Amino acid sequence: MTDSTLRSESDSAAKLGSQPQPSFTATVDPANTSAVEQLARDFNDLSIPKKHSTRSNPRRANNNTSKNLPSKSVSPSDSMPHLNVTKLDGLTIVLKIGTSSVCDPVTHVPLLSTLYSIVQVIHKLKLLGHNIVLVSSGAVGTGLKRLNIEQKPKEIAKLQAIAAVGQGRLMALWDNMFSYLDQPIAQVLLTRNDLSHPAQYVNAYNTFMELLSMGVIPIVNENDTVSLGQIRFGDNDTLSAITAGMIHADYLFLLTDVDCLYTDNPRNNPDAKRVLCVEDMKSLDGCVDATTAGSSVGTGGMATKLIAAELAMSAGVCTVITHSSKPHKIIDIIDFLSDPKNKPANTIIPEEILCTRFVPTEQSLGDRKWWIRHGMRKTGTIYVDYGALTAIAKYKKSLFAAGVVSVEGNFSPSQSVCVAIKTALIPPERLEKAQIKKDVLEIAYGLVNYSSTEISRIKGCKSTAFEAILGYIDTEEIIHRGNLVLGLNKLDFDLFS
């Protein structure tokens, strides 16, 4: 079972109820919770838009009765409500701390002063009535110290074994520090695969809400022991953004080793300039060099933080990059940004709370579409022609087989894929106007109604030919418009104007 495993190690009864709370291990299983099952059914009902199928058995057509059946598409918005969002008192804040802030990159010794400063700030935020989730890296670095290994290995099995050793030590470290403040914590280990299924996504959300309602601080990390390859988040910056979007956080703080975003690495380039506010990630193209890698024991860097910020912005989460060694600034930053007069992007940020703010998009994606876009693992790519590009991006139409050029990857119905176009198929004058220099342009992301094998057979055909080719017809669309999420930036719409 790949569901999240939660561990809480506190006997505090003040916030958890009248009875003392011993250490416990709770295994989250959506199959055993009727409420979660119902929410998951609501969430999953629209994976495939319902139509009258012409098959009596799976993938077998009943040709004698199907030819005159009506085909009525049902939009996902017609039958599926959003997640039952739990409204918590106060702000919901996600703090992400990187490996370089948890332990020394060379000696791997825990940076206790930084960590305890963060614990104190979290405690103050809790006293102010806010809800805190901590995303903590450092399992590998802590494991290297415990095993007296100097260099981070490249072999996956060794790396995962070291992370398994370090994760226990890391949680013990956090629990020891929080216990001085009588603050219960819980361990939440996730993989991307855990959130790719709607039932598990809903269950993870409900678990977070219960923990926060009980006054517990969830400490999140990727489950490195079982995650591998395409099912990994890859770095905790992305994991923190996915978590912030899932729980509808108000703020995501990415704590790092610089005060804010710079146009270049300030350690190597003294002329690097500060970037204090970002409204559109496209505006950073060509202005910011974020290629510098993270620490020797980490997996990220500034590039992964920009990706995380973009994910969080699309979910309506205000993202802030600031220095981890000055966590006391977090409270001041929240107070400053919460003031309505400081909402405008051109507001000057005082030097004492220096940070970079990423303004959330005005029209954030709904729960389900955000899950399709960012929560689900992409299992393949469908390449389309210019006509399909225009229909999807400009006119918000569904994707039909007639516009499909080719298919890449192996996937089944209801799985998530990327819809893309090879720029060679776009008129040159459009490419020049939009200043696009990529070979492939990602248009959208969506849940397919047919498998990769089926789409390969019906690509370029009208839906009236499906029965002759496949022997059945499930739906007219390859991807229903309600299951499509655009991936184009606003400036890319110059392609069709």
Protein backbone atom coordinates (compact mmCIF):
# COMPACT_ATOMS: atom_id res chain seq x y z
CA MET A 1 0.00 0.00 0.00
CA THR A 2 1.42 3.39 -0.99
CA ASP A 3 -0.71 5.57 1.25
CA SER A 4 0.92 8.08 3.60
CA THR A 5 2.18 6.78 6.97
CA LEU A 6 1.80 9.15 9.86
CA ARG A 7 3.70 9.01 13.12
CA SER A 8 3.07 11.29 16.08
CA GLU A 9 5.31 11.27 19.12
CA SER A 10 3.84 13.46 21.84
CA ASP A 11 1.87 13.00 25.05
CA SER A 12 0.46 16.52 25.09
CA ALA A 13 -3.21 16.54 26.05
CA ALA A 14 -3.79 20.27 26.08
CA LYS A 15 -4.54 20.62 22.37
CA LEU A 16 -5.48 17.11 21.41
CA GLY A 17 -8.30 16.51 23.87
CA SER A 18 -8.91 15.61 27.45
CA GLN A 19 -7.12 12.25 27.25
CA PRO A 20 -3.31 12.03 27.03
CA GLN A 21 -2.12 11.19 23.54
CA PRO A 22 0.50 8.44 23.42
CA SER A 23 2.77 7.83 20.49
CA PHE A 24 0.82 6.25 17.69
CA THR A 25 1.07 5.04 14.15
CA ALA A 26 -1.97 5.55 11.96
CA THR A 27 -2.13 4.01 8.51
CA VAL A 28 -4.28 6.04 6.14
CA ASP A 29 -6.44 3.76 4.00
CA PRO A 30 -9.15 5.29 1.79
CA ALA A 31 -10.71 1.86 1.35
CA ASN A 32 -11.63 1.75 5.03
CA THR A 33 -13.20 5.21 5.34
CA SER A 34 -16.69 5.63 3.95
CA ALA A 35 -16.56 9.44 3.98
CA VAL A 36 -13.31 9.42 2.06
CA GLU A 37 -14.73 6.88 -0.36
CA GLN A 38 -17.67 9.15 -1.11
CA LEU A 39 -15.45 12.19 -1.61
CA ALA A 40 -13.15 10.16 -3.81
CA ARG A 41 -16.11 8.98 -5.88
CA ASP A 42 -17.20 12.56 -6.35
CA PHE A 43 -13.64 13.50 -7.26
CA ASN A 44 -13.21 10.56 -9.65
CA ASP A 45 -16.62 10.50 -11.33
CA LEU A 46 -15.44 12.76 -14.10
CA SER A 47 -12.19 11.05 -14.99
CA ILE A 48 -14.00 9.93 -18.15
CA PRO A 49 -16.97 11.94 -19.45
CA LYS A 50 -19.95 9.64 -19.67
CA LYS A 51 -21.47 8.77 -23.02
CA HIS A 52 -23.52 5.93 -24.37
CA SER A 53 -21.01 3.20 -25.11
CA THR A 54 -21.44 0.84 -28.00
CA ARG A 55 -19.76 -2.08 -26.28
CA SER A 56 -21.50 -4.73 -24.22
CA ASN A 57 -18.25 -6.13 -22.84
CA PRO A 58 -14.95 -4.30 -22.25
CA ARG A 59 -13.53 -3.33 -25.62
CA ARG A 60 -16.18 -5.30 -27.51
CA ALA A 61 -18.86 -3.63 -29.59
CA ASN A 62 -22.43 -4.69 -30.02
CA ASN A 63 -22.75 -3.68 -33.65
CA ASN A 64 -26.41 -4.66 -33.89
CA THR A 65 -27.61 -2.18 -31.28
CA SER A 66 -25.10 0.63 -31.25
CA LYS A 67 -25.33 2.42 -34.56
CA ASN A 68 -28.22 4.71 -33.71
CA LEU A 69 -27.48 5.36 -30.04
CA PRO A 70 -27.29 9.02 -29.12
CA SER A 71 -23.96 10.31 -27.87
CA LYS A 72 -24.37 12.88 -25.15
CA SER A 73 -21.28 14.21 -23.44
CA VAL A 74 -21.36 15.17 -19.78
CA SER A 75 -18.96 17.89 -18.67
CA PRO A 76 -16.97 17.31 -15.48
CA SER A 77 -18.34 20.53 -14.04
CA ASP A 78 -21.88 19.13 -14.34
CA SER A 79 -21.58 16.23 -11.94
CA MET A 80 -18.54 16.60 -9.71
CA PRO A 81 -18.29 19.02 -6.78
CA HIS A 82 -14.92 20.26 -5.59
CA LEU A 83 -13.28 18.79 -2.53
CA ASN A 84 -15.21 19.49 0.65
CA VAL A 85 -12.83 22.19 1.80
CA THR A 86 -12.31 22.43 5.56
CA LYS A 87 -12.20 26.03 6.74
CA LEU A 88 -9.59 26.49 9.44
CA ASP A 89 -9.26 29.47 11.74
CA GLY A 90 -6.26 31.71 11.05
CA LEU A 91 -3.86 31.48 8.12
CA THR A 92 -2.50 28.23 6.74
CA ILE A 93 1.25 28.52 6.20
CA VAL A 94 3.67 26.03 4.65
CA LEU A 95 7.35 26.40 5.54
CA LYS A 96 9.95 24.58 3.48
CA ILE A 97 13.48 24.23 4.80
CA GLY A 98 16.25 22.81 2.61
CA THR A 99 19.07 20.42 3.38
CA SER A 100 21.68 23.21 3.47
CA SER A 101 19.66 24.82 6.28
CA VAL A 102 19.23 21.57 8.23
CA CYS A 103 22.84 20.41 8.26
CA ASP A 104 26.29 21.62 7.25
CA PRO A 105 26.97 20.72 3.59
CA VAL A 106 30.50 19.50 4.42
CA THR A 107 30.42 18.03 7.93
CA HIS A 108 26.68 17.14 7.88
CA VAL A 109 26.40 18.34 11.49
CA PRO A 110 22.86 19.59 12.24
CA LEU A 111 22.57 23.39 12.36
CA LEU A 112 20.84 23.40 15.73
CA SER A 113 20.66 27.18 16.14
CA THR A 114 18.87 27.59 12.80
CA LEU A 115 16.54 24.68 13.45
CA TYR A 116 15.56 25.84 16.93
CA SER A 117 14.99 29.37 15.65
CA ILE A 118 12.53 27.91 13.15
CA VAL A 119 10.86 25.90 15.91
CA GLN A 120 10.43 29.06 17.99
CA VAL A 121 8.93 30.97 15.05
CA ILE A 122 6.51 28.12 14.35
CA HIS A 123 5.48 28.13 18.00
CA LYS A 124 4.83 31.89 17.88
CA LEU A 125 2.78 31.48 14.68
CA LYS A 126 0.74 28.79 16.43
CA LEU A 127 0.12 31.11 19.37
CA LEU A 128 -1.14 33.71 16.88
CA GLY A 129 -3.75 31.18 15.75
CA HIS A 130 -2.18 30.09 12.47
CA ASN A 131 -1.88 26.57 11.04
CA ILE A 132 1.62 25.44 10.13
CA VAL A 133 2.94 22.65 7.90
CA LEU A 134 6.70 22.11 7.80
CA VAL A 135 8.31 20.50 4.74
CA SER A 136 11.77 19.42 5.86
CA SER A 137 14.64 18.13 3.76
CA GLY A 138 17.76 16.72 5.38
CA ALA A 139 17.21 12.96 5.56
CA VAL A 140 20.21 12.22 3.33
CA GLY A 141 22.48 14.72 5.08
CA THR A 142 21.47 13.42 8.51
CA GLY A 143 21.98 9.84 7.33
CA LEU A 144 25.47 10.63 6.02
CA LYS A 145 26.42 11.96 9.44
CA ARG A 146 24.94 8.97 11.27
CA LEU A 147 26.80 6.49 9.05
CA ASN A 148 30.04 8.53 8.92
CA ILE A 149 29.94 8.76 5.13
CA GLU A 150 31.64 11.85 3.73
CA GLN A 151 30.31 12.01 0.18
CA LYS A 152 26.76 11.63 -1.07
CA PRO A 153 26.69 8.43 -3.19
CA LYS A 154 25.32 8.31 -6.71
CA GLU A 155 23.85 4.80 -6.51
CA ILE A 156 20.08 4.99 -5.99
CA ALA A 157 19.90 2.03 -3.59
CA LYS A 158 22.62 3.46 -1.34
CA LEU A 159 21.06 6.89 -1.42
CA GLN A 160 17.68 5.51 -0.44
CA ALA A 161 19.22 3.43 2.34
CA ILE A 162 21.01 6.49 3.73
CA ALA A 163 17.75 8.48 3.56
CA ALA A 164 15.99 5.69 5.47
CA VAL A 165 18.59 5.96 8.25
CA GLY A 166 18.51 9.73 8.24
CA GLN A 167 14.72 10.15 8.22
CA GLY A 168 14.34 8.59 11.66
CA ARG A 169 17.15 10.73 13.07
CA LEU A 170 15.68 13.84 11.43
CA MET A 171 12.25 13.29 12.95
CA ALA A 172 13.78 12.58 16.35
CA LEU A 173 15.66 15.87 16.08
CA TRP A 174 12.49 17.83 15.28
CA ASP A 175 10.49 16.03 17.97
CA ASN A 176 13.09 16.75 20.64
CA MET A 177 13.06 20.46 19.84
CA PHE A 178 9.28 20.77 19.61
CA SER A 179 8.81 18.76 22.80
CA TYR A 180 10.41 21.56 24.81
CA LEU A 181 7.43 23.70 23.74
CA ASP A 182 4.93 20.88 24.34
CA GLN A 183 4.08 20.89 20.64
CA PRO A 184 2.97 17.57 19.04
CA ILE A 185 4.20 16.77 15.55
CA ALA A 186 3.38 14.14 12.91
CA GLN A 187 5.45 12.60 10.16
CA VAL A 188 3.92 12.61 6.67
CA LEU A 189 5.86 10.79 3.93
CA LEU A 190 4.57 11.21 0.38
CA THR A 191 5.39 10.19 -3.16
CA ARG A 192 3.91 11.60 -6.34
CA ASN A 193 2.21 8.25 -6.86
CA ASP A 194 0.31 8.80 -3.58
CA LEU A 195 -1.36 11.87 -5.01
CA SER A 196 -1.96 10.61 -8.55
CA HIS A 197 -5.08 8.68 -7.54
CA PRO A 198 -8.08 10.82 -6.54
CA ALA A 199 -8.96 8.69 -3.51
CA GLN A 200 -5.46 9.02 -2.11
CA TYR A 201 -5.33 12.74 -2.90
CA VAL A 202 -8.61 13.30 -1.03
CA ASN A 203 -7.44 11.10 1.83
CA ALA A 204 -4.15 12.98 2.14
CA TYR A 205 -6.05 16.28 2.22
CA ASN A 206 -8.41 15.02 4.93
CA THR A 207 -5.49 13.75 7.01
CA PHE A 208 -3.75 17.13 6.82
CA MET A 209 -6.97 18.87 7.88
CA GLU A 210 -7.44 16.54 10.85
CA LEU A 211 -3.85 17.04 12.01
CA LEU A 212 -4.14 20.82 11.76
CA SER A 213 -7.51 20.78 13.53
CA MET A 214 -5.92 18.83 16.41
CA GLY A 215 -3.15 21.41 16.73
CA VAL A 216 -0.50 19.03 15.38
CA ILE A 217 2.29 20.24 13.10
CA PRO A 218 2.70 17.89 10.10
CA ILE A 219 6.34 17.50 9.06
CA VAL A 220 6.42 16.43 5.42
CA ASN A 221 9.17 14.76 3.40
CA GLU A 222 9.34 12.63 0.30
CA ASN A 223 9.30 8.89 0.93
CA ASP A 224 12.74 8.34 -0.60
CA THR A 225 12.87 4.63 0.24
CA VAL A 226 10.11 3.71 -2.22
CA SER A 227 10.04 6.66 -4.65
CA LEU A 228 12.01 6.25 -7.84
CA GLY A 229 12.28 7.80 -11.27
CA GLN A 230 9.09 9.32 -12.63
CA ILE A 231 7.09 8.82 -9.42
CA ARG A 232 9.40 11.14 -7.48
CA PHE A 233 8.76 14.80 -6.79
CA GLY A 234 12.51 15.14 -7.28
CA ASP A 235 12.98 17.87 -4.70
CA ASN A 236 11.17 19.19 -1.67
CA ASP A 237 10.57 22.58 -3.28
CA THR A 238 8.10 20.90 -5.62
CA LEU A 239 6.71 18.78 -2.77
CA SER A 240 6.10 21.90 -0.68
CA ALA A 241 4.24 23.59 -3.55
CA ILE A 242 2.09 20.51 -4.15
CA THR A 243 1.32 20.36 -0.43
CA ALA A 244 0.51 24.08 -0.25
CA GLY A 245 -1.84 23.81 -3.23
CA MET A 246 -3.54 20.70 -1.89
CA ILE A 247 -4.34 22.17 1.54
CA HIS A 248 -5.25 25.64 0.15
CA ALA A 249 -2.45 27.38 2.02
CA ASP A 250 -2.33 31.16 2.24
CA TYR A 251 1.47 31.34 2.22
CA LEU A 252 4.37 29.15 1.11
CA PHE A 253 7.78 30.15 2.51
CA LEU A 254 10.79 28.69 0.73
CA LEU A 255 13.60 29.10 3.25
CA THR A 256 17.01 29.05 1.60
CA ASP A 257 20.55 30.42 1.95
CA VAL A 258 19.88 33.81 0.31
CA ASP A 259 17.62 36.69 1.30
CA CYS A 260 15.73 36.84 -1.99
CA LEU A 261 15.82 36.02 -5.69
CA TYR A 262 18.69 37.57 -7.66
CA THR A 263 19.27 37.94 -11.39
CA ASP A 264 22.44 35.85 -10.92
CA ASN A 265 24.28 34.08 -8.13
CA PRO A 266 25.28 36.95 -5.81
CA ARG A 267 28.25 34.95 -4.51
CA ASN A 268 29.82 34.82 -7.96
CA ASN A 269 28.46 38.00 -9.52
CA PRO A 270 28.62 41.18 -7.41
CA ASP A 271 26.45 42.95 -10.01
CA ALA A 272 23.53 40.59 -9.46
CA LYS A 273 20.32 42.53 -8.82
CA ARG A 274 17.48 41.73 -6.49
CA VAL A 275 14.07 40.62 -7.77
CA LEU A 276 11.60 41.52 -5.03
CA CYS A 277 8.22 40.82 -6.66
CA VAL A 278 7.11 38.49 -9.45
CA GLU A 279 3.63 38.64 -10.97
CA ASP A 280 4.28 36.63 -14.13
CA MET A 281 6.95 33.93 -14.32
CA LYS A 282 7.35 34.68 -18.02
CA SER A 283 8.86 38.04 -17.06
CA LEU A 284 11.88 36.22 -15.58
CA ASP A 285 12.87 34.67 -18.92
CA GLY A 286 16.25 36.02 -19.92
CA CYS A 287 16.47 38.17 -16.78
CA VAL A 288 17.25 35.60 -14.10
CA ASP A 289 19.94 32.92 -14.23
CA ALA A 290 18.79 30.18 -11.88
CA THR A 291 21.06 27.41 -13.16
CA THR A 292 23.21 27.27 -10.04
CA ALA A 293 22.76 23.92 -8.33
CA GLY A 294 21.90 23.43 -4.70
CA SER A 295 24.19 22.11 -1.99
CA SER A 296 26.19 18.90 -2.32
CA VAL A 297 23.69 17.03 -0.14
CA GLY A 298 20.53 18.59 -1.57
CA THR A 299 18.59 18.03 -4.78
CA GLY A 300 17.40 21.53 -5.57
CA GLY A 301 18.63 25.05 -6.18
CA MET A 302 17.03 28.32 -7.23
CA ALA A 303 15.62 26.77 -10.42
CA THR A 304 13.50 24.31 -8.43
CA LYS A 305 12.26 27.13 -6.22
CA LEU A 306 11.04 29.05 -9.26
CA ILE A 307 9.20 25.94 -10.46
CA ALA A 308 7.67 25.52 -7.02
CA ALA A 309 6.65 29.18 -6.93
CA GLU A 310 4.91 28.83 -10.29
CA LEU A 311 2.98 25.77 -9.07
CA ALA A 312 1.91 27.56 -5.92
CA MET A 313 0.94 30.75 -7.81
CA SER A 314 -1.42 28.76 -10.02
CA ALA A 315 -3.09 27.40 -6.86
CA GLY A 316 -3.62 30.89 -5.46
CA VAL A 317 -0.83 30.62 -2.86
CA CYS A 318 1.41 33.60 -2.11
CA THR A 319 5.00 32.32 -2.24
CA VAL A 320 7.95 33.94 -0.49
CA ILE A 321 11.68 33.23 -0.79
CA THR A 322 13.73 34.36 2.22
CA HIS A 323 16.77 33.41 4.30
CA SER A 324 16.48 30.41 6.59
CA SER A 325 18.95 31.83 9.13
CA LYS A 326 16.54 34.72 9.82
CA PRO A 327 13.24 32.89 10.39
CA HIS A 328 12.01 35.63 12.74
CA LYS A 329 11.36 37.68 9.59
CA ILE A 330 8.53 35.32 8.64
CA ILE A 331 6.13 36.87 11.16
CA ASP A 332 7.05 40.39 10.03
CA ILE A 333 6.68 39.43 6.35
CA ILE A 334 3.20 38.01 7.00
CA ASP A 335 2.18 41.15 8.90
CA PHE A 336 3.51 43.34 6.08
CA LEU A 337 1.90 41.41 3.22
CA SER A 338 -1.40 41.04 5.09
CA ASP A 339 -1.82 44.81 5.15
CA PRO A 340 -4.14 45.71 2.20
CA LYS A 341 -2.07 48.78 1.34
CA ASN A 342 0.95 46.53 0.69
CA LYS A 343 -0.86 44.22 -1.75
CA PRO A 344 0.22 46.07 -4.95
CA ALA A 345 3.18 44.47 -6.69
CA ASN A 346 5.12 47.74 -6.79
CA THR A 347 5.09 48.06 -3.00
CA ILE A 348 8.62 48.63 -1.70
CA ILE A 349 9.67 45.86 0.70
CA PRO A 350 11.64 47.20 3.70
CA GLU A 351 15.25 46.09 4.03
CA GLU A 352 14.62 44.47 7.42
CA ILE A 353 12.18 41.96 5.87
CA LEU A 354 14.00 41.51 2.57
CA CYS A 355 12.41 38.73 0.52
CA THR A 356 10.96 37.91 -2.89
CA ARG A 357 7.18 37.69 -3.21
CA PHE A 358 5.43 35.71 -5.95
CA VAL A 359 1.93 37.08 -6.40
CA PRO A 360 -0.75 34.36 -6.82
CA THR A 361 -2.75 34.39 -10.03
CA GLU A 362 -6.11 36.14 -9.87
CA GLN A 363 -7.96 33.18 -11.37
CA SER A 364 -6.39 30.17 -9.71
CA LEU A 365 -7.19 26.65 -10.88
CA GLY A 366 -9.93 24.75 -9.05
CA ASP A 367 -9.05 21.74 -6.92
CA ARG A 368 -9.64 19.17 -9.60
CA LYS A 369 -7.94 20.96 -12.47
CA TRP A 370 -4.98 21.81 -10.25
CA TRP A 371 -4.76 18.13 -9.35
CA ILE A 372 -4.79 17.19 -13.05
CA ARG A 373 -2.13 19.79 -13.85
CA HIS A 374 0.23 19.29 -10.93
CA GLY A 375 -0.84 16.37 -8.74
CA MET A 376 -1.01 13.61 -11.31
CA ARG A 377 2.00 11.95 -12.89
CA LYS A 378 2.14 12.48 -16.66
CA THR A 379 2.20 9.12 -18.42
CA GLY A 380 2.64 10.21 -22.02
CA THR A 381 2.33 12.92 -24.65
CA ILE A 382 -0.20 13.48 -27.42
CA TYR A 383 1.10 15.61 -30.28
CA VAL A 384 -1.50 17.64 -32.16
CA ASP A 385 -1.70 19.84 -35.26
CA TYR A 386 -2.11 23.61 -35.44
CA GLY A 387 -5.88 23.37 -35.83
CA ALA A 388 -6.19 21.43 -32.58
CA LEU A 389 -3.86 23.90 -30.88
CA THR A 390 -6.13 26.79 -31.85
CA ALA A 391 -9.30 24.92 -30.91
CA ILE A 392 -7.99 23.96 -27.47
CA ALA A 393 -6.18 27.13 -26.47
CA LYS A 394 -8.29 29.83 -28.10
CA TYR A 395 -11.79 28.36 -28.24
CA LYS A 396 -11.56 26.07 -25.17
CA LYS A 397 -12.66 23.00 -27.15
CA SER A 398 -12.16 19.32 -26.41
CA LEU A 399 -9.39 17.36 -28.11
CA PHE A 400 -10.63 15.16 -30.96
CA ALA A 401 -8.79 12.41 -32.79
CA ALA A 402 -8.84 14.39 -36.05
CA GLY A 403 -6.31 16.80 -34.58
CA VAL A 404 -3.93 14.16 -33.22
CA VAL A 405 -0.65 13.70 -35.11
CA SER A 406 1.21 11.16 -32.97
CA VAL A 407 1.37 9.55 -29.52
CA GLU A 408 4.32 9.06 -27.20
CA GLY A 409 4.38 6.75 -24.18
CA ASN A 410 2.11 3.99 -22.95
CA PHE A 411 -1.01 4.96 -21.02
CA SER A 412 -4.51 3.76 -20.25
CA PRO A 413 -7.88 5.55 -20.21
CA SER A 414 -8.29 8.14 -17.42
CA GLN A 415 -4.55 8.64 -17.00
CA SER A 416 -2.93 12.06 -17.26
CA VAL A 417 -1.02 13.09 -20.38
CA CYS A 418 0.57 16.19 -21.83
CA VAL A 419 -0.87 17.68 -25.03
CA ALA A 420 1.86 19.27 -27.15
CA ILE A 421 2.64 20.50 -30.65
CA LYS A 422 5.90 20.36 -32.57
CA THR A 423 6.63 23.95 -33.49
CA ALA A 424 7.46 22.93 -37.05
CA LEU A 425 3.68 22.63 -37.52
CA ILE A 426 3.08 26.25 -36.46
CA PRO A 427 3.15 28.93 -39.20
CA PRO A 428 6.59 30.65 -39.12
CA GLU A 429 5.09 34.14 -38.84
CA ARG A 430 3.21 33.04 -35.70
CA LEU A 431 6.36 31.60 -34.14
CA GLU A 432 8.29 34.77 -34.88
CA LYS A 433 5.57 36.94 -33.39
CA ALA A 434 5.39 34.87 -30.22
CA GLN A 435 9.21 34.61 -30.04
CA ILE A 436 9.07 30.87 -29.43
CA LYS A 437 12.31 29.01 -30.07
CA LYS A 438 11.40 25.60 -28.65
CA ASP A 439 11.04 22.48 -30.80
CA VAL A 440 8.02 21.35 -28.77
CA LEU A 441 5.40 23.54 -27.11
CA GLU A 442 3.28 22.09 -24.28
CA ILE A 443 -0.33 23.20 -24.75
CA ALA A 444 -2.34 21.48 -22.04
CA TYR A 445 -2.64 18.55 -19.64
CA GLY A 446 -5.60 16.26 -19.34
CA LEU A 447 -7.21 12.89 -18.64
CA VAL A 448 -7.58 10.69 -21.69
CA ASN A 449 -10.65 8.67 -22.66
CA TYR A 450 -8.70 6.18 -24.78
CA SER A 451 -5.44 4.29 -24.34
CA SER A 452 -2.25 5.15 -26.23
CA THR A 453 -2.73 2.09 -28.46
CA GLU A 454 -6.28 3.11 -29.35
CA ILE A 455 -5.32 6.71 -30.03
CA SER A 456 -2.51 5.56 -32.31
CA ARG A 457 -5.10 3.70 -34.39
CA ILE A 458 -7.69 6.50 -34.59
CA LYS A 459 -5.40 9.54 -34.84
CA GLY A 460 -6.37 11.87 -37.66
CA CYS A 461 -9.82 10.27 -37.98
CA LYS A 462 -13.28 11.60 -37.30
CA SER A 463 -15.24 10.04 -34.45
CA THR A 464 -17.68 8.48 -36.96
CA ALA A 465 -14.84 6.17 -38.05
CA PHE A 466 -14.04 4.86 -34.54
CA GLU A 467 -16.41 1.93 -34.72
CA ALA A 468 -15.03 0.76 -38.04
CA ILE A 469 -11.46 0.99 -36.78
CA LEU A 470 -11.79 -0.11 -33.15
CA GLY A 471 -15.04 -2.04 -33.27
CA TYR A 472 -16.59 0.24 -30.65
CA ILE A 473 -16.89 3.89 -29.66
CA ASP A 474 -16.72 5.08 -26.06
CA THR A 475 -16.73 8.86 -26.50
CA GLU A 476 -16.22 11.28 -29.34
CA GLU A 477 -13.42 13.14 -27.56
CA ILE A 478 -9.90 11.99 -26.84
CA ILE A 479 -9.89 14.44 -23.91
CA HIS A 480 -13.03 16.26 -22.81
CA ARG A 481 -12.60 20.03 -22.37
CA GLY A 482 -13.60 19.69 -18.72
CA ASN A 483 -10.61 17.41 -18.22
CA LEU A 484 -8.17 19.74 -20.01
CA VAL A 485 -5.99 22.28 -18.24
CA LEU A 486 -4.17 24.82 -20.37
CA GLY A 487 -0.41 24.99 -19.92
CA LEU A 488 0.27 27.99 -22.13
CA ASN A 489 1.47 31.27 -20.70
CA LYS A 490 -0.56 34.39 -21.47
CA LEU A 491 2.13 35.70 -23.79
CA ASP A 492 2.00 32.50 -25.84
CA PHE A 493 -1.50 33.41 -27.02
CA ASP A 494 0.20 35.62 -29.62
CA LEU A 495 0.28 32.38 -31.61
CA PHE A 496 -3.32 32.83 -32.60
CA SER A 497 -3.98 36.58 -32.38
